[in-house]
N, C-alpha and C. Protein backbone atom coordinates (compact mmCIF):
# COMPACT_ATOMS: atom_id res chain seq x y z
N MET A 1 -73.72 -97.89 -39.86
CA MET A 1 -72.93 -96.71 -39.45
C MET A 1 -73.69 -95.49 -39.51
N PHE A 2 -74.33 -95.16 -40.85
CA PHE A 2 -75.19 -93.95 -40.94
C PHE A 2 -76.37 -94.03 -40.06
N ASN A 3 -76.86 -95.18 -39.82
CA ASN A 3 -78.02 -95.35 -38.95
C ASN A 3 -77.74 -94.82 -37.55
N THR A 4 -76.59 -95.12 -37.06
CA THR A 4 -76.17 -94.62 -35.73
C THR A 4 -76.15 -93.08 -35.78
N PHE A 5 -75.46 -92.57 -36.85
CA PHE A 5 -75.35 -91.12 -37.03
C PHE A 5 -76.70 -90.45 -36.99
N TRP A 6 -77.63 -90.87 -37.93
CA TRP A 6 -79.02 -90.19 -38.05
C TRP A 6 -79.69 -90.35 -36.68
N THR A 7 -79.60 -91.50 -36.05
CA THR A 7 -80.52 -91.78 -34.75
C THR A 7 -79.90 -90.76 -33.74
N THR A 8 -78.63 -90.67 -33.59
CA THR A 8 -78.06 -89.71 -32.65
C THR A 8 -78.38 -88.26 -33.04
N PHE A 9 -78.21 -87.93 -34.32
CA PHE A 9 -78.52 -86.50 -34.73
C PHE A 9 -79.96 -86.18 -34.51
N LEU A 10 -80.86 -87.04 -34.87
CA LEU A 10 -82.37 -86.65 -34.61
C LEU A 10 -82.66 -86.64 -33.16
N THR A 11 -82.12 -87.54 -32.40
CA THR A 11 -82.40 -87.66 -30.91
C THR A 11 -81.91 -86.35 -30.29
N VAL A 12 -80.72 -85.88 -30.56
CA VAL A 12 -80.15 -84.78 -29.89
C VAL A 12 -80.79 -83.48 -30.47
N PHE A 13 -80.92 -83.43 -31.72
CA PHE A 13 -81.64 -82.33 -32.40
C PHE A 13 -83.13 -82.00 -31.72
N LEU A 14 -83.90 -83.08 -31.64
CA LEU A 14 -85.29 -82.88 -31.15
C LEU A 14 -85.14 -82.59 -29.63
N ALA A 15 -84.24 -83.19 -28.94
CA ALA A 15 -84.20 -82.95 -27.57
C ALA A 15 -83.68 -81.41 -27.17
N GLU A 16 -82.90 -81.04 -28.04
CA GLU A 16 -82.41 -79.55 -27.88
C GLU A 16 -83.34 -78.48 -28.35
N LEU A 17 -84.34 -78.83 -29.16
CA LEU A 17 -85.25 -77.83 -29.69
C LEU A 17 -86.02 -77.15 -28.44
N GLY A 18 -85.96 -75.86 -28.31
CA GLY A 18 -86.72 -75.23 -27.22
C GLY A 18 -86.33 -75.44 -25.94
N ASP A 19 -85.12 -76.06 -25.67
CA ASP A 19 -84.73 -76.16 -24.31
C ASP A 19 -84.08 -74.85 -23.88
N LYS A 20 -83.66 -74.81 -22.56
CA LYS A 20 -83.13 -73.55 -22.05
C LYS A 20 -81.80 -73.13 -22.71
N THR A 21 -81.03 -74.17 -23.25
CA THR A 21 -79.84 -73.74 -23.93
C THR A 21 -80.12 -72.98 -25.17
N GLN A 22 -81.06 -73.50 -25.90
CA GLN A 22 -81.42 -72.85 -27.19
C GLN A 22 -81.97 -71.47 -26.84
N LEU A 23 -82.81 -71.34 -25.89
CA LEU A 23 -83.41 -70.07 -25.48
C LEU A 23 -82.27 -69.06 -25.09
N ALA A 24 -81.32 -69.48 -24.31
CA ALA A 24 -80.18 -68.70 -23.87
C ALA A 24 -79.39 -68.21 -25.13
N THR A 25 -79.14 -69.11 -26.08
CA THR A 25 -78.39 -68.74 -27.20
C THR A 25 -79.22 -67.71 -28.09
N PHE A 26 -80.59 -67.93 -28.20
CA PHE A 26 -81.51 -66.99 -28.79
C PHE A 26 -81.30 -65.64 -28.21
N LEU A 27 -81.34 -65.52 -26.88
CA LEU A 27 -81.20 -64.26 -26.17
C LEU A 27 -79.83 -63.56 -26.41
N LEU A 28 -78.78 -64.40 -26.32
CA LEU A 28 -77.42 -63.87 -26.67
C LEU A 28 -77.31 -63.35 -28.05
N ALA A 29 -77.81 -64.12 -28.91
CA ALA A 29 -77.79 -63.63 -30.39
C ALA A 29 -78.59 -62.34 -30.63
N ALA A 30 -79.73 -62.25 -29.94
CA ALA A 30 -80.58 -61.10 -29.97
C ALA A 30 -79.86 -59.81 -29.51
N LYS A 31 -79.09 -59.99 -28.41
CA LYS A 31 -78.35 -58.85 -27.86
C LYS A 31 -77.07 -58.47 -28.43
N SER A 32 -76.44 -59.48 -29.17
CA SER A 32 -75.10 -59.33 -29.73
C SER A 32 -75.12 -58.90 -31.16
N SER A 33 -74.11 -58.14 -31.57
CA SER A 33 -73.87 -57.82 -32.97
C SER A 33 -72.83 -58.82 -33.52
N HIS A 34 -72.35 -59.73 -32.82
CA HIS A 34 -71.44 -60.77 -33.17
C HIS A 34 -72.12 -62.17 -33.14
N ARG A 35 -73.18 -62.30 -34.02
CA ARG A 35 -73.88 -63.57 -33.97
C ARG A 35 -73.06 -64.83 -34.37
N GLY A 36 -72.11 -64.49 -35.25
CA GLY A 36 -71.20 -65.70 -35.55
C GLY A 36 -70.48 -66.23 -34.45
N LEU A 37 -70.02 -65.29 -33.58
CA LEU A 37 -69.37 -65.74 -32.32
C LEU A 37 -70.32 -66.35 -31.38
N VAL A 38 -71.55 -66.01 -31.34
CA VAL A 38 -72.50 -66.60 -30.43
C VAL A 38 -72.74 -67.93 -30.97
N PHE A 39 -72.86 -68.08 -32.22
CA PHE A 39 -73.06 -69.55 -32.89
C PHE A 39 -71.88 -70.45 -32.55
N LEU A 40 -70.66 -69.82 -32.73
CA LEU A 40 -69.40 -70.66 -32.47
C LEU A 40 -69.29 -71.05 -31.05
N GLY A 41 -69.55 -70.15 -30.16
CA GLY A 41 -69.47 -70.53 -28.70
C GLY A 41 -70.45 -71.55 -28.43
N ALA A 42 -71.67 -71.40 -28.85
CA ALA A 42 -72.78 -72.38 -28.56
C ALA A 42 -72.39 -73.77 -29.20
N ALA A 43 -71.99 -73.77 -30.35
CA ALA A 43 -71.59 -75.00 -31.10
C ALA A 43 -70.42 -75.77 -30.47
N VAL A 44 -69.34 -74.88 -30.04
CA VAL A 44 -68.23 -75.50 -29.27
C VAL A 44 -68.67 -76.06 -27.90
N ALA A 45 -69.56 -75.43 -27.22
CA ALA A 45 -70.09 -75.90 -25.93
C ALA A 45 -70.91 -77.18 -26.06
N LEU A 46 -71.78 -77.21 -27.21
CA LEU A 46 -72.43 -78.46 -27.37
C LEU A 46 -71.65 -79.58 -27.72
N VAL A 47 -70.56 -79.30 -28.58
CA VAL A 47 -69.69 -80.32 -28.95
C VAL A 47 -68.95 -80.90 -27.76
N THR A 48 -68.48 -80.00 -26.98
CA THR A 48 -67.74 -80.38 -25.72
C THR A 48 -68.55 -81.23 -24.74
N SER A 49 -69.77 -80.74 -24.44
CA SER A 49 -70.65 -81.47 -23.59
C SER A 49 -71.00 -82.80 -24.20
N SER A 50 -71.18 -82.87 -25.48
CA SER A 50 -71.49 -84.15 -26.15
C SER A 50 -70.28 -85.16 -26.09
N ALA A 51 -69.06 -84.57 -26.30
CA ALA A 51 -67.83 -85.37 -26.08
C ALA A 51 -67.72 -85.94 -24.71
N LEU A 52 -68.02 -85.16 -23.66
CA LEU A 52 -68.05 -85.69 -22.30
C LEU A 52 -69.11 -86.69 -22.14
N GLY A 53 -70.28 -86.60 -22.72
CA GLY A 53 -71.29 -87.59 -22.64
C GLY A 53 -70.83 -88.96 -23.30
N VAL A 54 -70.16 -88.89 -24.46
CA VAL A 54 -69.72 -90.05 -25.15
C VAL A 54 -68.69 -90.71 -24.37
N LEU A 55 -67.74 -89.98 -23.83
CA LEU A 55 -66.64 -90.46 -22.87
C LEU A 55 -67.15 -91.12 -21.71
N ALA A 56 -68.15 -90.48 -21.01
CA ALA A 56 -68.77 -91.13 -19.87
C ALA A 56 -69.56 -92.41 -20.25
N GLY A 57 -70.24 -92.32 -21.36
CA GLY A 57 -70.99 -93.56 -21.82
C GLY A 57 -70.08 -94.71 -22.14
N LYS A 58 -68.93 -94.48 -22.81
CA LYS A 58 -68.00 -95.43 -23.12
C LYS A 58 -67.44 -96.03 -21.78
N LEU A 59 -67.09 -95.31 -20.82
CA LEU A 59 -66.52 -95.78 -19.63
C LEU A 59 -67.49 -96.56 -18.78
N VAL A 60 -68.73 -96.03 -18.68
CA VAL A 60 -69.71 -96.72 -17.94
C VAL A 60 -70.16 -98.11 -18.69
N GLY A 61 -70.15 -97.94 -20.05
CA GLY A 61 -70.52 -99.13 -20.76
C GLY A 61 -69.54 -100.32 -20.73
N GLU A 62 -68.29 -99.95 -20.45
CA GLU A 62 -67.34 -100.93 -20.24
C GLU A 62 -67.48 -101.74 -18.92
N TYR A 63 -68.02 -101.15 -17.81
CA TYR A 63 -68.19 -101.78 -16.62
C TYR A 63 -69.52 -102.23 -16.14
N LEU A 64 -70.57 -101.67 -16.81
CA LEU A 64 -71.94 -102.11 -16.39
C LEU A 64 -72.59 -102.67 -17.70
N PRO A 65 -73.50 -103.72 -17.35
CA PRO A 65 -74.32 -104.23 -18.49
C PRO A 65 -75.31 -103.14 -18.87
N LEU A 66 -75.59 -103.28 -20.21
CA LEU A 66 -76.62 -102.33 -20.83
C LEU A 66 -78.05 -102.38 -20.12
N SER A 67 -78.37 -103.51 -19.75
CA SER A 67 -79.69 -103.66 -18.93
C SER A 67 -79.69 -102.78 -17.65
N TRP A 68 -78.54 -102.78 -16.91
CA TRP A 68 -78.42 -101.97 -15.77
C TRP A 68 -78.46 -100.45 -16.09
N ILE A 69 -77.82 -100.05 -17.12
CA ILE A 69 -77.70 -98.71 -17.55
C ILE A 69 -79.23 -98.24 -17.93
N ARG A 70 -79.87 -99.01 -18.69
CA ARG A 70 -81.18 -98.63 -19.08
C ARG A 70 -82.19 -98.53 -17.93
N LEU A 71 -82.01 -99.46 -16.96
CA LEU A 71 -82.91 -99.39 -15.72
C LEU A 71 -82.58 -98.17 -14.82
N ALA A 72 -81.23 -97.88 -14.67
CA ALA A 72 -80.86 -96.63 -13.92
C ALA A 72 -81.30 -95.44 -14.68
N SER A 73 -81.20 -95.37 -15.87
CA SER A 73 -81.59 -94.18 -16.71
C SER A 73 -83.22 -93.94 -16.52
N GLY A 74 -83.83 -95.11 -16.68
CA GLY A 74 -85.40 -94.92 -16.52
C GLY A 74 -85.75 -94.48 -15.11
N ILE A 75 -85.02 -95.09 -14.11
CA ILE A 75 -85.46 -94.64 -12.74
C ILE A 75 -85.04 -93.15 -12.60
N LEU A 76 -83.93 -92.70 -13.06
CA LEU A 76 -83.46 -91.36 -12.81
C LEU A 76 -84.41 -90.33 -13.61
N PHE A 77 -84.91 -90.71 -14.85
CA PHE A 77 -85.80 -89.91 -15.46
C PHE A 77 -87.13 -89.72 -14.72
N ILE A 78 -87.68 -90.85 -14.25
CA ILE A 78 -88.97 -90.84 -13.47
C ILE A 78 -88.68 -89.99 -12.19
N LEU A 79 -87.65 -90.14 -11.56
CA LEU A 79 -87.34 -89.41 -10.28
C LEU A 79 -87.28 -87.91 -10.60
N LEU A 80 -86.49 -87.52 -11.69
CA LEU A 80 -86.42 -86.13 -12.02
C LEU A 80 -87.76 -85.56 -12.41
N GLY A 81 -88.54 -86.40 -13.08
CA GLY A 81 -89.95 -85.90 -13.46
C GLY A 81 -90.83 -85.64 -12.21
N LEU A 82 -90.67 -86.57 -11.27
CA LEU A 82 -91.50 -86.32 -10.07
C LEU A 82 -90.98 -85.10 -9.25
N LEU A 83 -89.67 -84.90 -9.27
CA LEU A 83 -89.19 -83.71 -8.52
C LEU A 83 -89.56 -82.49 -9.23
N ILE A 84 -89.63 -82.45 -10.52
CA ILE A 84 -90.16 -81.29 -11.27
C ILE A 84 -91.59 -81.09 -10.94
N LEU A 85 -92.44 -82.13 -10.96
CA LEU A 85 -93.85 -81.98 -10.67
C LEU A 85 -93.99 -81.42 -9.27
N TRP A 86 -93.26 -81.92 -8.30
CA TRP A 86 -93.38 -81.44 -6.92
C TRP A 86 -92.69 -80.09 -6.66
N GLY A 87 -92.07 -79.60 -7.67
CA GLY A 87 -91.46 -78.15 -7.56
C GLY A 87 -90.22 -78.11 -6.78
N LYS A 88 -89.54 -79.22 -6.78
CA LYS A 88 -88.24 -79.21 -6.02
C LYS A 88 -87.06 -78.87 -6.94
């Protein structure tokens, strides 16, 4: 159980470091005198988007085999990477 928690925590934590969401939060905190509210808003947004991801993953996982999900994810990441390289 804790292995799942720590794997998820580290994966999301490392993925979020330096991304556009963190930079936007950084800028909002720099401009605001209400940094606690900036933190609270960002935290609620991340929790909400994570909850949607968990719900979507649960639903997809009930109908598709894990091998198909992994294959589709890999193809999607490669496609997005190529689109980014090509400037689309």
